[in-house]
Amino acid sequence: MQSNKTLLFVNGEPPERYPSNLENYAFIAATDGAYHNYLYTSPIIPNYIIGDLDSFDKSRTIPSRTEIIHTPDQNKTDFEKAILFLANKGVKKFDIFGASGHASDHFLGNLSVAMHYYHRFDFTFYDNYCQFFFSKKQQTIYDIKNHIISFIPMSKVTNLTITGVKYPLSNATITLRGFISLRNKAIKNSVEISFKNGYLLVFVENKSIQD
């Protein structure tokens, strides 16, 4: 078990496949909407259900080992409140399901939260199509040969160098209104990323937690 790693479910599109390596996580948590909209039908029993409880269905049986954490602060999303609650327990790494799909504003809101905290924590998001995350300024992605990979700047990204892909970049500047690297392809088993400034969102298609 990794003492600082948590599996977190939020209220977006349910995963078609749930991770099986649950022993790798110190905690399993869900926002109240994620639990009551899909997780309760799965074999996964969370340690915590976290949120303002506006989606809380009292008719559903909660497992005895699951603790309800009521976080009524309306100035933060349930996703952000879950991150902060788990951070107080020493969590530094998050594998996150359900952040995309369904309501597009929720997806963008989740990205906004991740942008705010990714310098402090290690977030990796998984959905039914890809893995995605905000890249560190120096980062290597392993075991992705032949996967489609896209690099989306959420701000101006400067001095960007990417190796191990079909269309490498060297000391490039990319912006949402200008040049981006979309639908690139990993040609090596590892891809190396470095840049000076900005927020860089990386999508790896068909890369699941089981890969």
Protein backbone atom coordinates (compact mmCIF):
# COMPACT_ATOMS: atom_id res chain seq x y z
CA MET A 1 0.00 0.00 0.00
CA GLN A 2 1.23 3.50 -0.83
CA SER A 3 0.57 5.55 2.31
CA ASN A 4 0.14 8.84 0.44
CA LYS A 5 -1.93 7.67 -2.55
CA THR A 6 -5.73 7.79 -2.80
CA LEU A 7 -8.37 6.61 -5.25
CA LEU A 8 -11.02 9.32 -5.64
CA PHE A 9 -14.34 9.14 -7.50
CA VAL A 10 -16.16 12.32 -8.51
CA ASN A 11 -19.54 12.85 -10.12
CA GLY A 12 -19.00 12.61 -13.88
CA GLU A 13 -19.15 9.75 -16.34
CA PRO A 14 -18.89 6.40 -14.48
CA PRO A 15 -15.91 4.21 -15.37
CA GLU A 16 -16.58 1.20 -17.57
CA ARG A 17 -13.80 -0.61 -15.72
CA TYR A 18 -12.90 -0.08 -12.10
CA PRO A 19 -9.30 -0.43 -10.91
CA SER A 20 -8.53 -3.80 -9.37
CA ASN A 21 -5.34 -2.90 -7.51
CA LEU A 22 -7.13 -1.40 -4.51
CA GLU A 23 -4.40 -2.53 -2.14
CA ASN A 24 -2.18 0.18 -3.64
CA TYR A 25 -4.23 2.93 -2.02
CA ALA A 26 -4.15 4.27 1.50
CA PHE A 27 -7.75 5.48 1.11
CA ILE A 28 -10.67 5.18 -1.29
CA ALA A 29 -12.99 8.18 -1.34
CA ALA A 30 -15.95 9.50 -3.29
CA THR A 31 -17.88 12.72 -3.45
CA ASP A 32 -21.47 12.21 -2.36
CA GLY A 33 -22.73 12.61 -5.93
CA ALA A 34 -20.30 10.02 -7.29
CA TYR A 35 -21.28 7.49 -4.65
CA HIS A 36 -25.01 7.86 -5.05
CA ASN A 37 -25.01 8.10 -8.83
CA TYR A 38 -22.79 5.14 -9.65
CA LEU A 39 -20.26 3.90 -7.09
CA TYR A 40 -22.85 2.29 -4.80
CA THR A 41 -23.58 -0.29 -7.55
CA SER A 42 -19.90 -1.31 -7.76
CA PRO A 43 -17.98 -3.72 -5.52
CA ILE A 44 -15.81 -0.83 -4.29
CA ILE A 45 -16.46 0.33 -0.72
CA PRO A 46 -15.04 3.78 -0.01
CA ASN A 47 -13.48 4.80 3.27
CA TYR A 48 -15.06 8.23 2.93
CA ILE A 49 -18.01 9.88 1.22
CA ILE A 50 -17.31 13.61 1.11
CA GLY A 51 -19.45 16.58 0.14
CA ASP A 52 -22.25 18.98 0.96
CA LEU A 53 -24.66 16.00 0.83
CA ASP A 54 -26.97 17.70 -1.65
CA SER A 55 -26.92 14.41 -3.61
CA PHE A 56 -27.17 12.26 -0.51
CA ASP A 57 -29.89 9.61 -0.79
CA LYS A 58 -30.82 8.52 2.73
CA SER A 59 -32.68 5.49 1.38
CA ARG A 60 -29.40 3.87 0.32
CA THR A 61 -27.52 1.72 2.77
CA ILE A 62 -24.05 3.03 3.56
CA PRO A 63 -21.43 0.37 4.38
CA SER A 64 -20.56 0.31 8.08
CA ARG A 65 -16.88 0.98 7.39
CA THR A 66 -17.63 4.08 5.30
CA GLU A 67 -17.47 7.45 7.05
CA ILE A 68 -19.65 10.34 5.90
CA ILE A 69 -17.74 13.65 5.82
CA HIS A 70 -20.13 16.61 5.63
CA THR A 71 -18.42 19.63 4.02
CA PRO A 72 -21.11 22.31 3.59
CA ASP A 73 -18.84 25.14 2.34
CA GLN A 74 -20.50 26.37 -0.87
CA ASN A 75 -17.43 28.38 -1.85
CA LYS A 76 -15.66 25.17 -2.91
CA THR A 77 -16.72 22.25 -5.08
CA ASP A 78 -17.05 18.79 -3.56
CA PHE A 79 -13.99 17.78 -5.59
CA GLU A 80 -11.88 20.52 -4.03
CA LYS A 81 -13.21 19.76 -0.55
CA ALA A 82 -12.35 16.08 -1.02
CA ILE A 83 -8.79 16.99 -2.02
CA LEU A 84 -8.31 19.19 1.04
CA PHE A 85 -9.83 16.66 3.44
CA LEU A 86 -7.57 13.89 2.13
CA ALA A 87 -4.53 16.18 2.07
CA ASN A 88 -4.99 16.65 5.81
CA LYS A 89 -4.52 12.89 6.10
CA GLY A 90 -1.17 13.08 4.35
CA VAL A 91 -2.34 12.23 0.82
CA LYS A 92 -0.06 13.55 -1.94
CA LYS A 93 -1.11 11.43 -4.94
CA PHE A 94 -4.61 11.08 -6.39
CA ASP A 95 -5.94 8.70 -9.04
CA ILE A 96 -9.25 10.28 -10.03
CA PHE A 97 -12.24 8.80 -11.86
CA GLY A 98 -15.39 10.60 -13.00
CA ALA A 99 -13.89 14.06 -13.51
CA SER A 100 -15.01 14.25 -17.15
CA GLY A 101 -18.19 13.41 -19.04
CA HIS A 102 -21.78 14.42 -18.33
CA ALA A 103 -21.96 18.15 -17.50
CA SER A 104 -19.20 19.99 -19.36
CA ASP A 105 -19.13 22.79 -16.78
CA HIS A 106 -18.27 20.24 -14.09
CA PHE A 107 -15.39 18.95 -16.20
CA LEU A 108 -13.98 22.44 -16.69
CA GLY A 109 -14.51 23.18 -13.02
CA ASN A 110 -12.53 20.06 -12.11
CA LEU A 111 -9.70 21.16 -14.40
CA SER A 112 -9.72 24.58 -12.74
CA VAL A 113 -9.35 22.97 -9.32
CA ALA A 114 -6.54 20.74 -10.56
CA MET A 115 -4.71 23.75 -12.04
CA HIS A 116 -4.86 25.43 -8.65
CA TYR A 117 -3.41 22.49 -6.71
CA TYR A 118 -1.26 20.45 -9.10
CA HIS A 119 1.98 22.06 -7.88
CA ARG A 120 1.20 20.63 -4.41
CA PHE A 121 -0.26 17.26 -5.37
CA ASP A 122 0.10 14.60 -8.04
CA PHE A 123 -3.22 14.25 -9.92
CA THR A 124 -3.86 11.65 -12.60
CA PHE A 125 -7.33 11.55 -14.12
CA TYR A 126 -8.83 8.50 -15.82
CA ASP A 127 -11.92 8.24 -17.97
CA ASN A 128 -13.22 5.69 -20.48
CA TYR A 129 -11.04 7.06 -23.26
CA CYS A 130 -7.77 8.27 -21.84
CA GLN A 131 -5.55 9.31 -18.97
CA PHE A 132 -4.88 13.03 -18.49
CA PHE A 133 -2.95 15.27 -16.13
CA PHE A 134 -1.16 18.60 -15.80
CA SER A 135 2.49 18.08 -16.62
CA LYS A 136 5.26 19.12 -14.29
CA LYS A 137 7.92 21.33 -15.84
CA GLN A 138 10.20 18.30 -16.05
CA GLN A 139 8.34 15.02 -16.51
CA THR A 140 8.75 11.59 -18.10
CA ILE A 141 5.74 9.46 -19.09
CA TYR A 142 6.50 5.74 -19.21
CA ASP A 143 4.98 2.73 -21.02
CA ILE A 144 3.07 4.66 -23.69
CA LYS A 145 4.60 3.50 -26.98
CA ASN A 146 2.02 3.62 -29.82
CA HIS A 147 -0.48 5.60 -27.73
CA ILE A 148 -1.95 8.80 -29.15
CA ILE A 149 -0.86 11.72 -27.00
CA SER A 150 -1.98 15.37 -27.08
CA PHE A 151 -0.46 18.42 -25.42
CA ILE A 152 -2.97 21.18 -24.71
CA PRO A 153 -1.76 24.52 -23.31
CA MET A 154 -4.14 25.99 -20.74
CA SER A 155 -2.04 29.14 -20.83
CA LYS A 156 0.98 30.22 -22.84
CA VAL A 157 3.57 27.43 -22.51
CA THR A 158 7.13 28.50 -23.27
CA ASN A 159 10.38 26.70 -24.08
CA LEU A 160 8.54 23.42 -24.57
CA THR A 161 10.60 20.39 -25.57
CA ILE A 162 9.00 16.98 -26.14
CA THR A 163 10.90 13.86 -27.18
CA GLY A 164 9.83 10.29 -27.84
CA VAL A 165 6.92 11.28 -30.11
CA LYS A 166 6.35 11.22 -33.88
CA TYR A 167 6.33 15.02 -34.02
CA PRO A 168 8.83 16.24 -31.41
CA LEU A 169 9.11 19.82 -30.25
CA SER A 170 12.21 21.78 -29.34
CA ASN A 171 12.09 25.01 -27.37
CA ALA A 172 8.60 25.76 -28.76
CA THR A 173 5.90 28.13 -27.56
CA ILE A 174 2.30 26.88 -27.72
CA THR A 175 -0.98 28.63 -26.92
CA LEU A 176 -4.68 27.85 -27.22
CA ARG A 177 -5.03 30.54 -29.92
CA GLY A 178 -1.94 29.38 -31.78
CA PHE A 179 0.14 26.27 -32.31
CA ILE A 180 -0.67 23.16 -30.21
CA SER A 181 0.36 19.51 -30.41
CA LEU A 182 -2.83 17.52 -30.97
CA ARG A 183 -3.07 13.81 -31.83
CA ASN A 184 0.66 13.21 -31.68
CA LYS A 185 1.92 9.64 -31.20
CA ALA A 186 4.43 8.11 -28.82
CA ILE A 187 7.08 6.23 -30.81
CA LYS A 188 9.17 5.27 -27.81
CA ASN A 189 8.32 3.61 -24.53
CA SER A 190 8.89 6.86 -22.68
CA VAL A 191 8.11 10.47 -23.55
CA GLU A 192 10.04 13.32 -21.97
CA ILE A 193 8.56 16.78 -21.43
CA SER A 194 10.22 19.99 -20.31
CA PHE A 195 9.08 23.62 -20.40
CA LYS A 196 9.75 26.89 -18.63
CA ASN A 197 6.37 28.49 -17.91
CA GLY A 198 2.67 27.77 -18.27
CA TYR A 199 0.04 25.11 -17.67
CA LEU A 200 0.29 22.07 -19.94
CA LEU A 201 -2.51 19.49 -20.01
CA VAL A 202 -1.49 16.08 -21.39
CA PHE A 203 -3.95 13.49 -22.72
CA VAL A 204 -2.84 9.90 -23.38
CA GLU A 205 -5.53 8.08 -25.36
CA ASN A 206 -6.59 4.57 -24.32
CA LYS A 207 -4.23 4.66 -21.36
CA SER A 208 -5.99 3.16 -18.37
CA ILE A 209 -4.92 2.54 -14.82
CA GLN A 210 -4.66 -1.17 -15.67
CA ASP A 211 -2.10 -0.57 -18.45
